Amino acid sequence: MIALLLAAVCMCGEAPERANDFFWENDKFGMRAYGPGDVHCWSGFDVFNKTTDAAATCGHVLRNHDKCGNWHATPFDGVLDNYAVGAGRGCGGIALFADGEWKTFPNWKKCRVIANSDERCEFELVYPAFSDAGEMTCRIELRRGERFFRNKVEFERPLKGAWAGPGLDLEPKRGHVGDVWEDAGLGVVALYENDRGEVEGSTATAIFMPGAQRILTDAQNCRVLSVTGVKSFEYWAGAAWSKAGEVASAAAWRREIESFIHSISKEAK
């Protein structure tokens, strides 16, 4: 195994070595958006599980993907990518319902890093136009020590007659089965997955969108916090891993989410 120095706590960037995937991570979890070099149109967001003392980073694994063993099945220095996305929305990927059907965005086409430090990372991903709403820009921010990233989504034109919002994958065929918490009033959908054994444990995911008008289910069995008639919206999404030792039950995950929602509510006042 390659010896690594302890990595930056919070960081983001592009991985040209792995189909130009874009990753963002902190000391709690990691994420990626599949890049324009990927042959699949997988615009859902992928989760990287991390232990609290992980020596590797998601960025290192992606940029050295052919030297890190089977990082989908065995953790590489504390980093494991065992979360299945496929054509689903994963954890927070955007879904769009227009013209009587669910549409899947192509992979992002442009990226721009705004901030990249141990305390905070922020960046933009631009997705191609394929509906009347035009291009979609995701401006994502993640801070050290937090379980959730914030995404400010903006379309070129308002969503007229279309519904859009972040999705959370609940498809059993992709392994996303377990304890589901859904609250339309709060604008929350959360999942604490069933335990998969000694190596994989349980992955916990959640999306939070105050002001969501509906919770819809898309064609891939993802629950979508949705709005219509707007040009922009904001939401949060995040993850935890039981093997990291901090969130070891569905009840603990719900407490983490409720605490975060409370903190966001206090900031808004």
C-alpha atoms as a PDB file:
ATOM      1  CA  MET A   1       0.000   0.000   0.000  1.00  0.00           C
ATOM      2  CA  ILE A   2       1.274   3.450  -0.914  1.00  0.00           C
ATOM      3  CA  ALA A   3       2.305   5.536   2.103  1.00  0.00           C
ATOM      4  CA  LEU A   4       0.530   8.876   2.152  1.00  0.00           C
ATOM      5  CA  LEU A   5       0.824  12.037   4.201  1.00  0.00           C
ATOM      6  CA  LEU A   6      -2.315  13.166   6.009  1.00  0.00           C
ATOM      7  CA  ALA A   7      -4.298  15.041   3.410  1.00  0.00           C
ATOM      8  CA  ALA A   8      -5.866  18.474   3.385  1.00  0.00           C
ATOM      9  CA  VAL A   9      -9.055  18.464   5.429  1.00  0.00           C
ATOM     10  CA  CYS A  10     -11.222  20.129   2.774  1.00  0.00           C
ATOM     11  CA  MET A  11     -10.532  20.181  -0.959  1.00  0.00           C
ATOM     12  CA  CYS A  12     -11.984  19.934  -4.464  1.00  0.00           C
ATOM     13  CA  GLY A  13     -10.675  19.484  -7.981  1.00  0.00           C
ATOM     14  CA  GLU A  14     -10.760  17.734 -11.326  1.00  0.00           C
ATOM     15  CA  ALA A  15      -9.310  14.285 -11.996  1.00  0.00           C
ATOM     16  CA  PRO A  16      -8.284  14.169 -15.674  1.00  0.00           C
ATOM     17  CA  GLU A  17      -6.872  10.686 -15.052  1.00  0.00           C
ATOM     18  CA  ARG A  18     -10.387   9.391 -14.291  1.00  0.00           C
ATOM     19  CA  ALA A  19     -12.597  10.695 -17.134  1.00  0.00           C
ATOM     20  CA  ASN A  20     -12.356  14.262 -15.755  1.00  0.00           C
ATOM     21  CA  ASP A  21     -14.445  13.426 -12.695  1.00  0.00           C
ATOM     22  CA  PHE A  22     -14.809  16.345 -10.297  1.00  0.00           C
ATOM     23  CA  PHE A  23     -14.492  15.608  -6.568  1.00  0.00           C
ATOM     24  CA  TRP A  24     -15.111  17.500  -3.345  1.00  0.00           C
ATOM     25  CA  GLU A  25     -14.464  16.295   0.182  1.00  0.00           C
ATOM     26  CA  ASN A  26     -13.811  17.180   3.790  1.00  0.00           C
ATOM     27  CA  ASP A  27     -12.891  15.243   6.936  1.00  0.00           C
ATOM     28  CA  LYS A  28     -16.347  13.562   7.027  1.00  0.00           C
ATOM     29  CA  PHE A  29     -17.118  12.340   3.504  1.00  0.00           C
ATOM     30  CA  GLY A  30     -16.363  12.784  -0.174  1.00  0.00           C
ATOM     31  CA  MET A  31     -18.402  13.280  -3.368  1.00  0.00           C
ATOM     32  CA  ARG A  32     -17.871  13.257  -7.092  1.00  0.00           C
ATOM     33  CA  ALA A  33     -19.637  14.383 -10.259  1.00  0.00           C
ATOM     34  CA  TYR A  34     -18.865  12.224 -13.290  1.00  0.00           C
ATOM     35  CA  GLY A  35     -16.813  14.087 -15.856  1.00  0.00           C
ATOM     36  CA  PRO A  36     -17.178  14.882 -19.566  1.00  0.00           C
ATOM     37  CA  GLY A  37     -14.678  12.117 -20.335  1.00  0.00           C
ATOM     38  CA  ASP A  38     -17.047   9.420 -19.050  1.00  0.00           C
ATOM     39  CA  VAL A  39     -18.919   7.465 -21.726  1.00  0.00           C
ATOM     40  CA  HIS A  40     -22.007   7.274 -19.494  1.00  0.00           C
ATOM     41  CA  CYS A  41     -24.476  10.124 -18.935  1.00  0.00           C
ATOM     42  CA  TRP A  42     -24.307   9.668 -15.185  1.00  0.00           C
ATOM     43  CA  SER A  43     -25.029  13.109 -13.794  1.00  0.00           C
ATOM     44  CA  GLY A  44     -26.002  11.842 -10.345  1.00  0.00           C
ATOM     45  CA  PHE A  45     -23.639  12.581  -7.437  1.00  0.00           C
ATOM     46  CA  ASP A  46     -21.529   9.736  -6.079  1.00  0.00           C
ATOM     47  CA  VAL A  47     -20.599   9.230  -2.407  1.00  0.00           C
ATOM     48  CA  PHE A  48     -17.109   8.358  -1.168  1.00  0.00           C
ATOM     49  CA  ASN A  49     -17.039   6.896   2.329  1.00  0.00           C
ATOM     50  CA  LYS A  50     -14.122   7.925   4.568  1.00  0.00           C
ATOM     51  CA  THR A  51     -12.874   6.968   8.010  1.00  0.00           C
ATOM     52  CA  THR A  52     -12.098   9.822  10.409  1.00  0.00           C
ATOM     53  CA  ASP A  53      -8.362   9.067  10.194  1.00  0.00           C
ATOM     54  CA  ALA A  54      -8.239   8.468   6.421  1.00  0.00           C
ATOM     55  CA  ALA A  55      -4.742   9.057   5.082  1.00  0.00           C
ATOM     56  CA  ALA A  56      -5.871   9.063   1.457  1.00  0.00           C
ATOM     57  CA  THR A  57      -8.156  11.589  -0.229  1.00  0.00           C
ATOM     58  CA  CYS A  58     -10.852  10.994  -2.806  1.00  0.00           C
ATOM     59  CA  GLY A  59      -8.785  13.129  -5.147  1.00  0.00           C
ATOM     60  CA  HIS A  60      -5.755  10.893  -4.724  1.00  0.00           C
ATOM     61  CA  VAL A  61      -7.801   7.758  -5.384  1.00  0.00           C
ATOM     62  CA  LEU A  62      -9.365   9.200  -8.548  1.00  0.00           C
ATOM     63  CA  ARG A  63      -6.083  10.591  -9.865  1.00  0.00           C
ATOM     64  CA  ASN A  64      -4.335   7.293  -9.145  1.00  0.00           C
ATOM     65  CA  HIS A  65      -7.299   5.005  -9.755  1.00  0.00           C
ATOM     66  CA  ASP A  66      -5.183   2.290 -11.370  1.00  0.00           C
ATOM     67  CA  LYS A  67      -2.760   2.126  -8.412  1.00  0.00           C
ATOM     68  CA  CYS A  68      -5.167   1.948  -5.467  1.00  0.00           C
ATOM     69  CA  GLY A  69      -6.374  -1.628  -5.746  1.00  0.00           C
ATOM     70  CA  ASN A  70     -10.099  -2.358  -5.931  1.00  0.00           C
ATOM     71  CA  TRP A  71     -11.204   0.830  -4.178  1.00  0.00           C
ATOM     72  CA  HIS A  72     -14.854  -0.056  -4.881  1.00  0.00           C
ATOM     73  CA  ALA A  73     -14.656  -3.153  -2.659  1.00  0.00           C
ATOM     74  CA  THR A  74     -11.708  -2.595  -0.280  1.00  0.00           C
ATOM     75  CA  PRO A  75     -10.874   0.704   1.466  1.00  0.00           C
ATOM     76  CA  PHE A  76      -7.677   2.356   0.258  1.00  0.00           C
ATOM     77  CA  ASP A  77      -6.086   4.119   3.244  1.00  0.00           C
ATOM     78  CA  GLY A  78      -9.531   4.867   4.664  1.00  0.00           C
ATOM     79  CA  VAL A  79     -11.401   5.712   1.424  1.00  0.00           C
ATOM     80  CA  LEU A  80     -14.058   3.423  -0.077  1.00  0.00           C
ATOM     81  CA  ASP A  81     -16.264   4.054  -3.124  1.00  0.00           C
ATOM     82  CA  ASN A  82     -18.929   1.368  -2.647  1.00  0.00           C
ATOM     83  CA  TYR A  83     -21.941   3.596  -3.383  1.00  0.00           C
ATOM     84  CA  ALA A  84     -23.796   2.697  -6.616  1.00  0.00           C
ATOM     85  CA  VAL A  85     -25.097   5.555  -8.761  1.00  0.00           C
ATOM     86  CA  GLY A  86     -25.677   4.362 -12.328  1.00  0.00           C
ATOM     87  CA  ALA A  87     -28.438   6.345 -13.995  1.00  0.00           C
ATOM     88  CA  GLY A  88     -29.871   7.403 -10.603  1.00  0.00           C
ATOM     89  CA  ARG A  89     -29.447  10.745  -8.863  1.00  0.00           C
ATOM     90  CA  GLY A  90     -27.218   9.313  -6.142  1.00  0.00           C
ATOM     91  CA  CYS A  91     -27.033  11.772  -3.246  1.00  0.00           C
ATOM     92  CA  GLY A  92     -28.218  15.193  -4.415  1.00  0.00           C
ATOM     93  CA  GLY A  93     -27.935  14.939  -8.191  1.00  0.00           C
ATOM     94  CA  ILE A  94     -30.517  17.097  -9.996  1.00  0.00           C
ATOM     95  CA  ALA A  95     -33.611  15.567 -11.596  1.00  0.00           C
ATOM     96  CA  LEU A  96     -35.855  17.348 -14.095  1.00  0.00           C
ATOM     97  CA  PHE A  97     -39.418  16.502 -15.109  1.00  0.00           C
ATOM     98  CA  ALA A  98     -40.501  18.289 -18.290  1.00  0.00           C
ATOM     99  CA  ASP A  99     -42.573  17.555 -21.395  1.00  0.00           C
ATOM    100  CA  GLY A 100     -44.288  14.715 -19.558  1.00  0.00           C
ATOM    101  CA  GLU A 101     -41.120  12.731 -18.810  1.00  0.00           C
ATOM    102  CA  TRP A 102     -38.124  12.509 -16.491  1.00  0.00           C
ATOM    103  CA  LYS A 103     -34.967  13.771 -18.173  1.00  0.00           C
ATOM    104  CA  THR A 104     -31.359  12.946 -17.294  1.00  0.00           C
ATOM    105  CA  PHE A 105     -28.788  15.708 -17.602  1.00  0.00           C
ATOM    106  CA  PRO A 106     -25.627  14.934 -19.548  1.00  0.00           C
ATOM    107  CA  ASN A 107     -22.401  15.065 -17.520  1.00  0.00           C
ATOM    108  CA  TRP A 108     -21.038  18.511 -16.636  1.00  0.00           C
ATOM    109  CA  LYS A 109     -19.146  20.352 -19.394  1.00  0.00           C
ATOM    110  CA  LYS A 110     -17.325  23.199 -17.552  1.00  0.00           C
ATOM    111  CA  CYS A 111     -15.882  23.566 -14.063  1.00  0.00           C
ATOM    112  CA  ARG A 112     -14.440  26.481 -12.102  1.00  0.00           C
ATOM    113  CA  VAL A 113     -12.784  26.365  -8.673  1.00  0.00           C
ATOM    114  CA  ILE A 114     -13.626  29.407  -6.535  1.00  0.00           C
ATOM    115  CA  ALA A 115     -12.026  28.465  -3.200  1.00  0.00           C
ATOM    116  CA  ASN A 116      -9.864  25.532  -2.155  1.00  0.00           C
ATOM    117  CA  SER A 117      -8.423  25.453   1.361  1.00  0.00           C
ATOM    118  CA  ASP A 118      -8.288  23.224   4.438  1.00  0.00           C
ATOM    119  CA  GLU A 119     -11.350  25.031   5.812  1.00  0.00           C
ATOM    120  CA  ARG A 120     -13.562  25.451   2.761  1.00  0.00           C
ATOM    121  CA  CYS A 121     -13.928  24.534  -0.889  1.00  0.00           C
ATOM    122  CA  GLU A 122     -16.288  26.085  -3.428  1.00  0.00           C
ATOM    123  CA  PHE A 123     -16.697  25.550  -7.155  1.00  0.00           C
ATOM    124  CA  GLU A 124     -19.081  25.671 -10.118  1.00  0.00           C
ATOM    125  CA  LEU A 125     -20.157  22.920 -12.498  1.00  0.00           C
ATOM    126  CA  VAL A 126     -22.032  23.863 -15.672  1.00  0.00           C
ATOM    127  CA  TYR A 127     -24.334  21.300 -17.298  1.00  0.00           C
ATOM    128  CA  PRO A 128     -25.407  21.475 -20.978  1.00  0.00           C
ATOM    129  CA  ALA A 129     -28.845  22.714 -22.008  1.00  0.00           C
ATOM    130  CA  PHE A 130     -31.352  20.086 -23.082  1.00  0.00           C
ATOM    131  CA  SER A 131     -34.662  21.698 -22.145  1.00  0.00           C
ATOM    132  CA  ASP A 132     -36.327  25.116 -22.267  1.00  0.00           C
ATOM    133  CA  ALA A 133     -34.619  25.947 -18.954  1.00  0.00           C
ATOM    134  CA  GLY A 134     -31.248  26.093 -20.744  1.00  0.00           C
ATOM    135  CA  GLU A 135     -27.895  25.423 -19.090  1.00  0.00           C
ATOM    136  CA  MET A 136     -27.759  24.538 -15.408  1.00  0.00           C
ATOM    137  CA  THR A 137     -25.042  25.843 -13.075  1.00  0.00           C
ATOM    138  CA  CYS A 138     -24.351  24.191  -9.730  1.00  0.00           C
ATOM    139  CA  ARG A 139     -22.375  26.311  -7.251  1.00  0.00           C
ATOM    140  CA  ILE A 140     -21.291  23.939  -4.496  1.00  0.00           C
ATOM    141  CA  GLU A 141     -19.692  24.748  -1.152  1.00  0.00           C
ATOM    142  CA  LEU A 142     -18.383  22.359   1.518  1.00  0.00           C
ATOM    143  CA  ARG A 143     -16.799  23.299   4.841  1.00  0.00           C
ATOM    144  CA  ARG A 144     -14.532  21.446   7.226  1.00  0.00           C
ATOM    145  CA  GLY A 145     -16.326  19.345   9.833  1.00  0.00           C
ATOM    146  CA  GLU A 146     -19.772  19.552   8.218  1.00  0.00           C
ATOM    147  CA  ARG A 147     -21.886  16.602   7.084  1.00  0.00           C
ATOM    148  CA  PHE A 148     -23.576  18.495   4.248  1.00  0.00           C
ATOM    149  CA  PHE A 149     -22.548  20.471   1.184  1.00  0.00           C
ATOM    150  CA  ARG A 150     -24.636  23.371  -0.118  1.00  0.00           C
ATOM    151  CA  ASN A 151     -25.628  23.628  -3.768  1.00  0.00           C
ATOM    152  CA  LYS A 152     -27.021  26.816  -5.304  1.00  0.00           C
ATOM    153  CA  VAL A 153     -28.604  25.751  -8.584  1.00  0.00           C
ATOM    154  CA  GLU A 154     -29.406  28.248 -11.334  1.00  0.00           C
ATOM    155  CA  PHE A 155     -30.942  27.758 -14.777  1.00  0.00           C
ATOM    156  CA  GLU A 156     -30.611  30.103 -17.730  1.00  0.00           C
ATOM    157  CA  ARG A 157     -34.394  30.521 -17.786  1.00  0.00           C
ATOM    158  CA  PRO A 158     -37.161  29.856 -15.227  1.00  0.00           C
ATOM    159  CA  LEU A 159     -38.673  26.399 -14.946  1.00  0.00           C
ATOM    160  CA  LYS A 160     -41.943  26.985 -16.786  1.00  0.00           C
ATOM    161  CA  GLY A 161     -44.095  23.867 -16.630  1.00  0.00           C
ATOM    162  CA  ALA A 162     -41.170  21.778 -15.382  1.00  0.00           C
ATOM    163  CA  TRP A 163     -40.243  20.372 -11.965  1.00  0.00           C
ATOM    164  CA  ALA A 164     -36.652  20.144 -10.769  1.00  0.00           C
ATOM    165  CA  GLY A 165     -34.700  19.459  -7.609  1.00  0.00           C
ATOM    166  CA  PRO A 166     -32.203  17.208  -5.836  1.00  0.00           C
ATOM    167  CA  GLY A 167     -32.826  13.481  -5.729  1.00  0.00           C
ATOM    168  CA  LEU A 168     -31.933  10.737  -3.256  1.00  0.00           C
ATOM    169  CA  ASP A 169     -31.587   7.177  -4.552  1.00  0.00           C
ATOM    170  CA  LEU A 170     -33.882   4.609  -2.909  1.00  0.00           C
ATOM    171  CA  GLU A 171     -33.526   1.879  -5.546  1.00  0.00           C
ATOM    172  CA  PRO A 172     -33.076  -1.641  -4.060  1.00  0.00           C
ATOM    173  CA  LYS A 173     -31.296  -2.897  -7.200  1.00  0.00           C
ATOM    174  CA  ARG A 174     -28.489  -0.410  -6.458  1.00  0.00           C
ATOM    175  CA  GLY A 175     -28.429  -1.435  -2.803  1.00  0.00           C
ATOM    176  CA  HIS A 176     -30.115   1.680  -1.415  1.00  0.00           C
ATOM    177  CA  VAL A 177     -32.385  -0.027   1.092  1.00  0.00           C
ATOM    178  CA  GLY A 178     -32.838   0.636   4.786  1.00  0.00           C
ATOM    179  CA  ASP A 179     -34.409   3.077   7.225  1.00  0.00           C
ATOM    180  CA  VAL A 180     -36.039   5.956   5.280  1.00  0.00           C
ATOM    181  CA  TRP A 181     -37.020   9.260   6.882  1.00  0.00           C
ATOM    182  CA  GLU A 182     -39.119  11.592   4.760  1.00  0.00           C
ATOM    183  CA  ASP A 183     -40.700  14.858   5.877  1.00  0.00           C
ATOM    184  CA  ALA A 184     -42.360  17.004   3.210  1.00  0.00           C
ATOM    185  CA  GLY A 185     -42.889  19.877   5.658  1.00  0.00           C
ATOM    186  CA  LEU A 186     -39.211  20.125   6.544  1.00  0.00           C
ATOM    187  CA  GLY A 187     -38.102  19.288   3.000  1.00  0.00           C
ATOM    188  CA  VAL A 188     -36.056  16.227   3.986  1.00  0.00           C
ATOM    189  CA  VAL A 189     -35.436  12.783   2.523  1.00  0.00           C
ATOM    190  CA  ALA A 190     -32.882  10.591   4.321  1.00  0.00           C
ATOM    191  CA  LEU A 191     -31.729   6.984   4.198  1.00  0.00           C
ATOM    192  CA  TYR A 192     -29.677   4.899   6.617  1.00  0.00           C
ATOM    193  CA  GLU A 193     -28.805   1.812   4.587  1.00  0.00           C
ATOM    194  CA  ASN A 194     -28.887  -1.744   5.858  1.00  0.00           C
ATOM    195  CA  ASP A 195     -25.563  -3.066   7.129  1.00  0.00           C
ATOM    196  CA  ARG A 196     -23.524  -4.807   4.415  1.00  0.00           C
ATOM    197  CA  GLY A 197     -20.991  -6.485   6.649  1.00  0.00           C
ATOM    198  CA  GLU A 198     -17.572  -5.916   8.154  1.00  0.00           C
ATOM    199  CA  VAL A 199     -16.026  -4.035   5.213  1.00  0.00           C
ATOM    200  CA  GLU A 200     -18.889  -1.918   3.865  1.00  0.00           C
ATOM    201  CA  GLY A 201     -21.019  -1.282   6.945  1.00  0.00           C
ATOM    202  CA  SER A 202     -23.897   1.182   6.440  1.00  0.00           C
ATOM    203  CA  THR A 203     -23.887   4.297   4.271  1.00  0.00           C
ATOM    204  CA  ALA A 204     -26.170   7.146   5.330  1.00  0.00           C
ATOM    205  CA  THR A 205     -27.375   9.798   2.878  1.00  0.00           C
ATOM    206  CA  ALA A 206     -29.734  12.774   3.020  1.00  0.00           C
ATOM    207  CA  ILE A 207     -31.016  15.793   1.097  1.00  0.00           C
ATOM    208  CA  PHE A 208     -32.570  18.921   2.649  1.00  0.00           C
ATOM    209  CA  MET A 209     -34.362  21.644   0.720  1.00  0.00           C
ATOM    210  CA  PRO A 210     -36.431  24.245   2.591  1.00  0.00           C
ATOM    211  CA  GLY A 211     -39.203  25.511   0.363  1.00  0.00           C
ATOM    212  CA  ALA A 212     -39.602  22.276  -1.613  1.00  0.00           C
ATOM    213  CA  GLN A 213     -43.124  22.217  -3.057  1.00  0.00           C
ATOM    214  CA  ARG A 214     -43.426  18.477  -3.666  1.00  0.00           C
ATOM    215  CA  ILE A 215     -41.601  15.212  -3.132  1.00  0.00           C
ATOM    216  CA  LEU A 216     -41.750  13.255  -6.394  1.00  0.00           C
ATOM    217  CA  THR A 217     -40.391   9.864  -7.449  1.00  0.00           C
ATOM    218  CA  ASP A 218     -38.470   9.764 -10.722  1.00  0.00           C
ATOM    219  CA  ALA A 219     -38.107   6.929 -13.236  1.00  0.00           C
ATOM    220  CA  GLN A 220     -35.031   5.560 -11.381  1.00  0.00           C
ATOM    221  CA  ASN A 221     -36.813   5.314  -8.003  1.00  0.00           C
ATOM    222  CA  CYS A 222     -35.126   8.384  -6.593  1.00  0.00           C
ATOM    223  CA  ARG A 223     -37.109  10.692  -4.310  1.00  0.00           C
ATOM    224  CA  VAL A 224     -36.882  14.265  -5.567  1.00  0.00           C
ATOM    225  CA  LEU A 225     -37.423  17.445  -3.525  1.00  0.00           C
ATOM    226  CA  SER A 226     -39.012  19.505  -6.275  1.00  0.00           C
ATOM    227  CA  VAL A 227     -39.935  23.079  -7.205  1.00  0.00           C
ATOM    228  CA  THR A 228     -41.399  24.675 -10.322  1.00  0.00           C
ATOM    229  CA  GLY A 229     -41.699  28.168 -11.772  1.00  0.00           C
ATOM    230  CA  VAL A 230     -38.325  29.319 -10.421  1.00  0.00           C
ATOM    231  CA  LYS A 231     -34.955  30.111 -11.981  1.00  0.00           C
ATOM    232  CA  SER A 232     -32.865  29.059  -8.988  1.00  0.00           C
ATOM    233  CA  PHE A 233     -33.025  27.114  -5.736  1.00  0.00           C
ATOM    234  CA  GLU A 234     -30.740  26.022  -2.910  1.00  0.00           C
ATOM    235  CA  TYR A 235     -30.381  22.740  -1.057  1.00  0.00           C
ATOM    236  CA  TRP A 236     -28.004  20.684   1.071  1.00  0.00           C
ATOM    237  CA  ALA A 237     -26.915  17.057   0.720  1.00  0.00           C
ATOM    238  CA  GLY A 238     -24.584  14.885   2.751  1.00  0.00           C
ATOM    239  CA  ALA A 239     -23.449  11.461   3.862  1.00  0.00           C
ATOM    240  CA  ALA A 240     -21.979   9.465   6.728  1.00  0.00           C
ATOM    241  CA  TRP A 241     -20.451   6.003   7.137  1.00  0.00           C
ATOM    242  CA  SER A 242     -20.974   3.655  10.060  1.00  0.00           C
ATOM    243  CA  LYS A 243     -17.381   2.371   9.755  1.00  0.00           C
ATOM    244  CA  ALA A 244     -16.121   5.858  10.612  1.00  0.00           C
ATOM    245  CA  GLY A 245     -17.566   5.302  14.079  1.00  0.00           C
ATOM    246  CA  GLU A 246     -19.492   8.563  14.460  1.00  0.00           C
ATOM    247  CA  VAL A 247     -22.934   7.749  12.990  1.00  0.00           C
ATOM    248  CA  ALA A 248     -23.700   4.129  13.807  1.00  0.00           C
ATOM    249  CA  SER A 249     -27.508   3.970  13.610  1.00  0.00           C
ATOM    250  CA  ALA A 250     -30.542   5.417  11.822  1.00  0.00           C
ATOM    251  CA  ALA A 251     -31.463   7.296  15.002  1.00  0.00           C
ATOM    252  CA  ALA A 252     -28.006   8.869  15.168  1.00  0.00           C
ATOM    253  CA  TRP A 253     -28.239   9.906  11.517  1.00  0.00           C
ATOM    254  CA  ARG A 254     -31.603  11.540  12.109  1.00  0.00           C
ATOM    255  CA  ARG A 255     -30.164  13.482  15.055  1.00  0.00           C
ATOM    256  CA  GLU A 256     -27.298  14.709  12.850  1.00  0.00           C
ATOM    257  CA  ILE A 257     -29.767  15.897  10.217  1.00  0.00           C
ATOM    258  CA  GLU A 258     -32.061  17.602  12.730  1.00  0.00           C
ATOM    259  CA  SER A 259     -29.091  19.347  14.327  1.00  0.00           C
ATOM    260  CA  PHE A 260     -27.908  20.599  10.942  1.00  0.00           C
ATOM    261  CA  ILE A 261     -31.381  21.833   9.971  1.00  0.00           C
ATOM    262  CA  HIS A 262     -31.574  23.688  13.299  1.00  0.00           C
ATOM    263  CA  SER A 263     -28.218  25.357  12.633  1.00  0.00           C
ATOM    264  CA  ILE A 264     -29.330  26.445   9.142  1.00  0.00           C
ATOM    265  CA  SER A 265     -32.574  27.841  10.556  1.00  0.00           C
ATOM    266  CA  LYS A 266     -30.639  29.880  13.144  1.00  0.00           C
ATOM    267  CA  GLU A 267     -28.366  31.320  10.427  1.00  0.00           C
ATOM    268  CA  ALA A 268     -31.384  32.358   8.369  1.00  0.00           C
ATOM    269  CA  LYS A 269     -32.858  34.449  11.222  1.00  0.00           C
END
